């Protein structure tokens, strides 16, 4: 049974969002084309990154907790991670948009994104000898500042930050199990060796950068579709 640990965690993460995707108010199913386009673009960045870091032993997967099927050196469960976790987070995002439509603080989120972006660049420059820290901080910094200067903050960034904060709760559970067993283990010479429970602090930036890419593409396609249909 332990070989299905990673798969069962993913299944648990997907269970509620997939069941509720057909609920009439949110009707998340109707947003699948934009969602999966965003996930695809994100995977073009994150899968090669994951493959390279696995080969360089920046992190490693414990074969005791995965089913045994690998693609490009990654367990199948890891490929599914990049589909299921964004699916669940974007479901949270849409639920929050539906129930809190007036959650809109453009100036605050613009300043927050700017400060976080600059902070990420400072971290990237300060720890250039630690490859995971440097790359994830630099990418997150670029994506955050992109929102500021691309004016995305004026539309969806308020709900993005709220959804990120809410999603950290299940993230602590799922990633906590993955790193505690561990299903995935980290080479601490390539990160800051700072943990929140058993989770490297870099993983929280990893989640943010991953979801920023998905949301950018998702919202862009949704706006285009709305413009074409006159919504």
C-alpha atoms as a PDB file:
ATOM      1  CA  UNK A   1       0.000   0.000   0.000  1.00  0.00           C
ATOM      2  CA  UNK A   2       2.837   2.424   0.764  1.00  0.00           C
ATOM      3  CA  UNK A   3       3.824   2.431  -2.933  1.00  0.00           C
ATOM      4  CA  UNK A   4       0.575   4.270  -3.607  1.00  0.00           C
ATOM      5  CA  UNK A   5       1.253   6.996  -1.040  1.00  0.00           C
ATOM      6  CA  UNK A   6       1.967   9.762  -3.553  1.00  0.00           C
ATOM      7  CA  UNK A   7      -0.942   8.700  -5.784  1.00  0.00           C
ATOM      8  CA  UNK A   8      -3.377   8.643  -2.861  1.00  0.00           C
ATOM      9  CA  UNK A   9      -2.319  12.123  -1.765  1.00  0.00           C
ATOM     10  CA  UNK A  10      -2.995  13.408  -5.265  1.00  0.00           C
ATOM     11  CA  UNK A  11      -6.332  11.622  -5.423  1.00  0.00           C
ATOM     12  CA  UNK A  12      -7.346  13.191  -2.125  1.00  0.00           C
ATOM     13  CA  UNK A  13      -6.318  16.635  -3.394  1.00  0.00           C
ATOM     14  CA  UNK A  14      -8.449  16.213  -6.512  1.00  0.00           C
ATOM     15  CA  UNK A  15     -11.532  14.587  -4.987  1.00  0.00           C
ATOM     16  CA  UNK A  16     -13.514  17.630  -3.824  1.00  0.00           C
ATOM     17  CA  UNK A  17     -12.562  19.985  -6.699  1.00  0.00           C
ATOM     18  CA  UNK A  18     -13.434  17.445  -9.403  1.00  0.00           C
ATOM     19  CA  UNK A  19     -16.777  16.562  -7.799  1.00  0.00           C
ATOM     20  CA  UNK A  20     -17.704  20.236  -7.391  1.00  0.00           C
ATOM     21  CA  UNK A  21     -16.512  21.215 -10.873  1.00  0.00           C
ATOM     22  CA  UNK A  22     -19.981  20.472 -12.268  1.00  0.00           C
ATOM     23  CA  UNK A  23     -21.810  22.540  -9.651  1.00  0.00           C
ATOM     24  CA  UNK A  24     -23.943  25.115 -11.494  1.00  0.00           C
ATOM     25  CA  UNK A  25     -22.855  28.257  -9.651  1.00  0.00           C
ATOM     26  CA  UNK A  26     -19.118  27.888 -10.202  1.00  0.00           C
ATOM     27  CA  UNK A  27     -19.346  25.544 -13.200  1.00  0.00           C
ATOM     28  CA  UNK A  28     -15.602  25.034 -13.197  1.00  0.00           C
ATOM     29  CA  UNK A  29     -15.928  22.498 -15.988  1.00  0.00           C
ATOM     30  CA  UNK A  30     -16.769  25.315 -18.367  1.00  0.00           C
ATOM     31  CA  UNK A  31     -13.392  26.905 -17.629  1.00  0.00           C
ATOM     32  CA  UNK A  32     -11.346  23.777 -18.403  1.00  0.00           C
ATOM     33  CA  UNK A  33      -9.982  24.925 -21.804  1.00  0.00           C
ATOM     34  CA  UNK A  34      -8.316  28.008 -20.298  1.00  0.00           C
ATOM     35  CA  UNK A  35      -7.242  26.065 -17.210  1.00  0.00           C
ATOM     36  CA  UNK A  36      -5.543  23.237 -19.078  1.00  0.00           C
ATOM     37  CA  UNK A  37      -3.879  25.696 -21.447  1.00  0.00           C
ATOM     38  CA  UNK A  38      -2.398  27.435 -18.395  1.00  0.00           C
ATOM     39  CA  UNK A  39      -1.299  24.122 -16.911  1.00  0.00           C
ATOM     40  CA  UNK A  40       0.321  23.120 -20.202  1.00  0.00           C
ATOM     41  CA  UNK A  41       2.352  26.350 -20.407  1.00  0.00           C
ATOM     42  CA  UNK A  42       3.424  25.974 -16.788  1.00  0.00           C
ATOM     43  CA  UNK A  43       4.538  22.383 -17.409  1.00  0.00           C
ATOM     44  CA  UNK A  44       6.723  23.524 -20.300  1.00  0.00           C
ATOM     45  CA  UNK A  45       8.746  25.373 -17.649  1.00  0.00           C
ATOM     46  CA  UNK A  46       8.437  23.134 -14.618  1.00  0.00           C
ATOM     47  CA  UNK A  47       8.849  19.660 -16.098  1.00  0.00           C
ATOM     48  CA  UNK A  48      12.317  20.339 -17.625  1.00  0.00           C
ATOM     49  CA  UNK A  49      13.258  22.054 -14.359  1.00  0.00           C
ATOM     50  CA  UNK A  50      12.085  19.051 -12.346  1.00  0.00           C
ATOM     51  CA  UNK A  51      13.913  16.605 -14.635  1.00  0.00           C
ATOM     52  CA  UNK A  52      17.151  18.605 -14.432  1.00  0.00           C
ATOM     53  CA  UNK A  53      17.020  18.979 -10.636  1.00  0.00           C
ATOM     54  CA  UNK A  54      16.295  15.281 -10.192  1.00  0.00           C
ATOM     55  CA  UNK A  55      19.260  14.340 -12.370  1.00  0.00           C
ATOM     56  CA  UNK A  56      21.495  16.750 -10.441  1.00  0.00           C
ATOM     57  CA  UNK A  57      20.253  15.348  -7.104  1.00  0.00           C
ATOM     58  CA  UNK A  58      18.852  18.677  -5.964  1.00  0.00           C
ATOM     59  CA  UNK A  59      15.925  16.499  -4.917  1.00  0.00           C
ATOM     60  CA  UNK A  60      15.185  12.797  -5.195  1.00  0.00           C
ATOM     61  CA  UNK A  61      12.115  10.578  -5.118  1.00  0.00           C
ATOM     62  CA  UNK A  62      11.816   7.629  -2.763  1.00  0.00           C
ATOM     63  CA  UNK A  63      10.867   4.589  -4.838  1.00  0.00           C
ATOM     64  CA  UNK A  64       9.152   3.035  -1.814  1.00  0.00           C
ATOM     65  CA  UNK A  65       6.305   5.552  -2.073  1.00  0.00           C
ATOM     66  CA  UNK A  66       5.672   5.705  -5.830  1.00  0.00           C
ATOM     67  CA  UNK A  67       4.066   3.170  -8.140  1.00  0.00           C
ATOM     68  CA  UNK A  68       7.187   2.462 -10.161  1.00  0.00           C
ATOM     69  CA  UNK A  69       6.347   4.050 -13.516  1.00  0.00           C
ATOM     70  CA  UNK A  70       8.770   6.757 -14.627  1.00  0.00           C
ATOM     71  CA  UNK A  71       8.848   9.199 -17.534  1.00  0.00           C
ATOM     72  CA  UNK A  72      12.098  11.119 -18.167  1.00  0.00           C
ATOM     73  CA  UNK A  73      13.303  10.077 -14.722  1.00  0.00           C
ATOM     74  CA  UNK A  74      10.210  11.399 -12.916  1.00  0.00           C
ATOM     75  CA  UNK A  75       7.565   9.162 -11.358  1.00  0.00           C
ATOM     76  CA  UNK A  76       4.198   9.356 -13.103  1.00  0.00           C
ATOM     77  CA  UNK A  77       2.792  10.766  -9.870  1.00  0.00           C
ATOM     78  CA  UNK A  78       5.102  13.773 -10.220  1.00  0.00           C
ATOM     79  CA  UNK A  79       3.742  14.480 -13.700  1.00  0.00           C
ATOM     80  CA  UNK A  80       0.238  14.258 -12.285  1.00  0.00           C
ATOM     81  CA  UNK A  81       1.229  16.627  -9.483  1.00  0.00           C
ATOM     82  CA  UNK A  82       1.616  19.420 -12.050  1.00  0.00           C
ATOM     83  CA  UNK A  83      -1.937  18.831 -13.247  1.00  0.00           C
ATOM     84  CA  UNK A  84      -3.821  18.022 -10.064  1.00  0.00           C
ATOM     85  CA  UNK A  85      -2.385  20.637  -7.688  1.00  0.00           C
ATOM     86  CA  UNK A  86      -2.958  23.567 -10.092  1.00  0.00           C
ATOM     87  CA  UNK A  87      -6.446  22.207 -10.775  1.00  0.00           C
ATOM     88  CA  UNK A  88      -7.235  22.242  -7.053  1.00  0.00           C
ATOM     89  CA  UNK A  89      -5.723  25.696  -6.480  1.00  0.00           C
ATOM     90  CA  UNK A  90      -7.560  27.228  -9.443  1.00  0.00           C
ATOM     91  CA  UNK A  91     -10.784  25.712  -8.154  1.00  0.00           C
ATOM     92  CA  UNK A  92     -10.173  27.532  -4.863  1.00  0.00           C
ATOM     93  CA  UNK A  93      -9.437  30.700  -6.861  1.00  0.00           C
ATOM     94  CA  UNK A  94     -12.750  30.512  -8.735  1.00  0.00           C
ATOM     95  CA  UNK A  95     -14.728  29.738  -5.585  1.00  0.00           C
ATOM     96  CA  UNK A  96     -13.244  32.804  -3.890  1.00  0.00           C
ATOM     97  CA  UNK A  97     -13.997  34.964  -6.942  1.00  0.00           C
ATOM     98  CA  UNK A  98     -17.601  33.779  -6.838  1.00  0.00           C
ATOM     99  CA  UNK A  99     -18.227  34.277  -3.128  1.00  0.00           C
ATOM    100  CA  UNK A 100     -16.004  37.354  -2.671  1.00  0.00           C
ATOM    101  CA  UNK A 101     -16.423  39.332  -5.907  1.00  0.00           C
ATOM    102  CA  UNK A 102     -15.641  42.618  -4.163  1.00  0.00           C
ATOM    103  CA  UNK A 103     -12.320  41.427  -2.785  1.00  0.00           C
ATOM    104  CA  UNK A 104     -10.410  43.987  -4.809  1.00  0.00           C
ATOM    105  CA  UNK A 105      -7.441  45.935  -3.440  1.00  0.00           C
ATOM    106  CA  UNK A 106      -5.391  46.955  -6.508  1.00  0.00           C
ATOM    107  CA  UNK A 107      -3.009  49.392  -4.855  1.00  0.00           C
ATOM    108  CA  UNK A 108      -2.257  47.060  -1.978  1.00  0.00           C
ATOM    109  CA  UNK A 109      -1.609  44.010  -4.163  1.00  0.00           C
ATOM    110  CA  UNK A 110       0.484  46.088  -6.562  1.00  0.00           C
ATOM    111  CA  UNK A 111       2.695  47.166  -3.670  1.00  0.00           C
ATOM    112  CA  UNK A 112       2.756  43.648  -2.228  1.00  0.00           C
ATOM    113  CA  UNK A 113       3.750  42.126  -5.571  1.00  0.00           C
ATOM    114  CA  UNK A 114       6.451  44.763  -6.040  1.00  0.00           C
ATOM    115  CA  UNK A 115       7.954  44.254  -2.581  1.00  0.00           C
ATOM    116  CA  UNK A 116       7.812  40.472  -2.826  1.00  0.00           C
ATOM    117  CA  UNK A 117       9.343  40.592  -6.297  1.00  0.00           C
ATOM    118  CA  UNK A 118      12.247  42.766  -5.173  1.00  0.00           C
ATOM    119  CA  UNK A 119      12.685  40.605  -2.088  1.00  0.00           C
ATOM    120  CA  UNK A 120      12.895  37.495  -4.240  1.00  0.00           C
ATOM    121  CA  UNK A 121      15.622  39.050  -6.379  1.00  0.00           C
ATOM    122  CA  UNK A 122      17.596  39.982  -3.250  1.00  0.00           C
ATOM    123  CA  UNK A 123      17.363  36.373  -2.042  1.00  0.00           C
ATOM    124  CA  UNK A 124      18.380  35.046  -5.469  1.00  0.00           C
ATOM    125  CA  UNK A 125      21.454  37.282  -5.536  1.00  0.00           C
ATOM    126  CA  UNK A 126      22.366  36.601  -1.915  1.00  0.00           C
ATOM    127  CA  UNK A 127      22.374  32.809  -2.309  1.00  0.00           C
ATOM    128  CA  UNK A 128      23.739  32.216  -5.796  1.00  0.00           C
ATOM    129  CA  UNK A 129      25.578  29.112  -4.567  1.00  0.00           C
ATOM    130  CA  UNK A 130      22.309  27.358  -3.765  1.00  0.00           C
ATOM    131  CA  UNK A 131      20.692  26.401  -7.049  1.00  0.00           C
ATOM    132  CA  UNK A 132      17.145  25.704  -5.823  1.00  0.00           C
ATOM    133  CA  UNK A 133      16.989  28.903  -3.789  1.00  0.00           C
ATOM    134  CA  UNK A 134      18.426  31.020  -6.594  1.00  0.00           C
ATOM    135  CA  UNK A 135      16.267  29.717  -9.428  1.00  0.00           C
ATOM    136  CA  UNK A 136      12.959  29.624  -7.606  1.00  0.00           C
ATOM    137  CA  UNK A 137      13.495  33.065  -6.075  1.00  0.00           C
ATOM    138  CA  UNK A 138      14.546  34.600  -9.407  1.00  0.00           C
ATOM    139  CA  UNK A 139      11.609  33.079 -11.299  1.00  0.00           C
ATOM    140  CA  UNK A 140       9.107  34.137  -8.648  1.00  0.00           C
ATOM    141  CA  UNK A 141      10.583  37.638  -8.628  1.00  0.00           C
ATOM    142  CA  UNK A 142      10.291  37.938 -12.412  1.00  0.00           C
ATOM    143  CA  UNK A 143       6.689  36.732 -12.408  1.00  0.00           C
ATOM    144  CA  UNK A 144       5.651  39.056  -9.574  1.00  0.00           C
ATOM    145  CA  UNK A 145       7.207  42.133 -11.171  1.00  0.00           C
ATOM    146  CA  UNK A 146       5.676  41.120 -14.494  1.00  0.00           C
ATOM    147  CA  UNK A 147       2.259  41.491 -12.868  1.00  0.00           C
ATOM    148  CA  UNK A 148       3.109  44.938 -11.530  1.00  0.00           C
ATOM    149  CA  UNK A 149       4.409  46.398 -14.773  1.00  0.00           C
ATOM    150  CA  UNK A 150       1.966  44.442 -16.940  1.00  0.00           C
ATOM    151  CA  UNK A 151      -0.933  45.811 -14.849  1.00  0.00           C
ATOM    152  CA  UNK A 152      -2.359  42.378 -14.065  1.00  0.00           C
ATOM    153  CA  UNK A 153      -2.678  43.623 -10.511  1.00  0.00           C
ATOM    154  CA  UNK A 154      -5.644  45.729 -11.645  1.00  0.00           C
ATOM    155  CA  UNK A 155      -7.788  42.689 -12.435  1.00  0.00           C
ATOM    156  CA  UNK A 156      -7.086  39.278 -10.905  1.00  0.00           C
ATOM    157  CA  UNK A 157      -4.099  39.636  -8.583  1.00  0.00           C
ATOM    158  CA  UNK A 158      -6.179  40.375  -5.471  1.00  0.00           C
ATOM    159  CA  UNK A 159      -7.980  37.056  -5.758  1.00  0.00           C
ATOM    160  CA  UNK A 160      -4.746  35.310  -6.707  1.00  0.00           C
ATOM    161  CA  UNK A 161      -3.059  36.276  -3.436  1.00  0.00           C
ATOM    162  CA  UNK A 162      -6.153  35.313  -1.459  1.00  0.00           C
ATOM    163  CA  UNK A 163      -6.340  31.935  -3.197  1.00  0.00           C
ATOM    164  CA  UNK A 164      -2.629  31.398  -2.596  1.00  0.00           C
ATOM    165  CA  UNK A 165      -3.042  32.037   1.136  1.00  0.00           C
ATOM    166  CA  UNK A 166      -6.018  29.678   1.361  1.00  0.00           C
ATOM    167  CA  UNK A 167      -4.254  26.982  -0.687  1.00  0.00           C
ATOM    168  CA  UNK A 168      -1.267  27.051   1.671  1.00  0.00           C
ATOM    169  CA  UNK A 169      -3.418  25.175   4.211  1.00  0.00           C
ATOM    170  CA  UNK A 170      -3.895  21.998   2.102  1.00  0.00           C
ATOM    171  CA  UNK A 171      -0.377  22.519   0.730  1.00  0.00           C
ATOM    172  CA  UNK A 172       1.008  22.202   4.261  1.00  0.00           C
ATOM    173  CA  UNK A 173      -0.820  18.883   4.621  1.00  0.00           C
ATOM    174  CA  UNK A 174       0.039  17.353   1.249  1.00  0.00           C
ATOM    175  CA  UNK A 175       3.592  18.619   0.965  1.00  0.00           C
ATOM    176  CA  UNK A 176       4.097  18.004   4.650  1.00  0.00           C
ATOM    177  CA  UNK A 177       3.427  14.290   4.106  1.00  0.00           C
ATOM    178  CA  UNK A 178       5.586  14.223   0.960  1.00  0.00           C
ATOM    179  CA  UNK A 179       8.562  15.723   2.778  1.00  0.00           C
ATOM    180  CA  UNK A 180       8.062  13.979   6.135  1.00  0.00           C
ATOM    181  CA  UNK A 181       8.074  10.352   4.966  1.00  0.00           C
ATOM    182  CA  UNK A 182       9.869  11.449   2.725  1.00  0.00           C
ATOM    183  CA  UNK A 183       8.404  10.771  -0.700  1.00  0.00           C
ATOM    184  CA  UNK A 184      10.733  13.488  -1.961  1.00  0.00           C
ATOM    185  CA  UNK A 185      13.994  14.359  -0.219  1.00  0.00           C
ATOM    186  CA  UNK A 186      16.092  17.489  -0.705  1.00  0.00           C
ATOM    187  CA  UNK A 187      19.806  18.131  -0.887  1.00  0.00           C
ATOM    188  CA  UNK A 188      20.154  20.861   1.731  1.00  0.00           C
ATOM    189  CA  UNK A 189      23.382  22.158   0.211  1.00  0.00           C
ATOM    190  CA  UNK A 190      21.229  23.472  -2.668  1.00  0.00           C
ATOM    191  CA  UNK A 191      18.640  25.238  -0.504  1.00  0.00           C
ATOM    192  CA  UNK A 192      18.545  27.361   2.638  1.00  0.00           C
ATOM    193  CA  UNK A 193      17.904  24.329   4.868  1.00  0.00           C
ATOM    194  CA  UNK A 194      15.043  26.271   6.474  1.00  0.00           C
ATOM    195  CA  UNK A 195      11.838  24.297   6.953  1.00  0.00           C
ATOM    196  CA  UNK A 196       8.245  25.056   7.809  1.00  0.00           C
ATOM    197  CA  UNK A 197       7.342  21.800   9.511  1.00  0.00           C
ATOM    198  CA  UNK A 198       9.266  19.506   7.122  1.00  0.00           C
ATOM    199  CA  UNK A 199       8.761  21.650   3.996  1.00  0.00           C
ATOM    200  CA  UNK A 200      11.672  23.675   2.557  1.00  0.00           C
ATOM    201  CA  UNK A 201      10.757  27.373   2.499  1.00  0.00           C
ATOM    202  CA  UNK A 202      11.615  27.428  -1.205  1.00  0.00           C
ATOM    203  CA  UNK A 203       8.611  25.194  -1.895  1.00  0.00           C
ATOM    204  CA  UNK A 204       6.262  28.045  -1.018  1.00  0.00           C
ATOM    205  CA  UNK A 205       7.845  30.227  -3.700  1.00  0.00           C
ATOM    206  CA  UNK A 206       7.736  27.219  -6.036  1.00  0.00           C
ATOM    207  CA  UNK A 207       3.981  26.977  -5.531  1.00  0.00           C
ATOM    208  CA  UNK A 208       3.534  30.700  -6.102  1.00  0.00           C
ATOM    209  CA  UNK A 209       5.563  30.790  -9.324  1.00  0.00           C
ATOM    210  CA  UNK A 210       3.810  27.689 -10.631  1.00  0.00           C
ATOM    211  CA  UNK A 211       0.379  29.187  -9.981  1.00  0.00           C
ATOM    212  CA  UNK A 212       1.301  32.616 -11.339  1.00  0.00           C
ATOM    213  CA  UNK A 213       2.075  31.076 -14.728  1.00  0.00           C
ATOM    214  CA  UNK A 214      -1.162  29.080 -14.739  1.00  0.00           C
ATOM    215  CA  UNK A 215      -3.265  32.074 -13.681  1.00  0.00           C
ATOM    216  CA  UNK A 216      -1.641  34.460 -16.168  1.00  0.00           C
ATOM    217  CA  UNK A 217      -2.497  32.214 -19.102  1.00  0.00           C
ATOM    218  CA  UNK A 218      -5.893  31.282 -17.669  1.00  0.00           C
ATOM    219  CA  UNK A 219      -7.012  34.879 -17.185  1.00  0.00           C
ATOM    220  CA  UNK A 220      -5.637  36.017 -20.520  1.00  0.00           C
ATOM    221  CA  UNK A 221      -7.596  33.339 -22.369  1.00  0.00           C
ATOM    222  CA  UNK A 222     -10.702  33.998 -20.312  1.00  0.00           C
ATOM    223  CA  UNK A 223     -10.539  37.719 -21.171  1.00  0.00           C
ATOM    224  CA  UNK A 224     -10.095  36.952 -24.867  1.00  0.00           C
ATOM    225  CA  UNK A 225     -13.026  34.577 -24.803  1.00  0.00           C
ATOM    226  CA  UNK A 226     -15.138  37.198 -23.041  1.00  0.00           C
ATOM    227  CA  UNK A 227     -14.167  39.854 -25.588  1.00  0.00           C
ATOM    228  CA  UNK A 228     -15.058  37.597 -28.505  1.00  0.00           C
ATOM    229  CA  UNK A 229     -18.372  36.483 -27.013  1.00  0.00           C
ATOM    230  CA  UNK A 230     -19.211  39.940 -25.712  1.00  0.00           C
ATOM    231  CA  UNK A 231     -19.470  38.742 -22.099  1.00  0.00           C
END
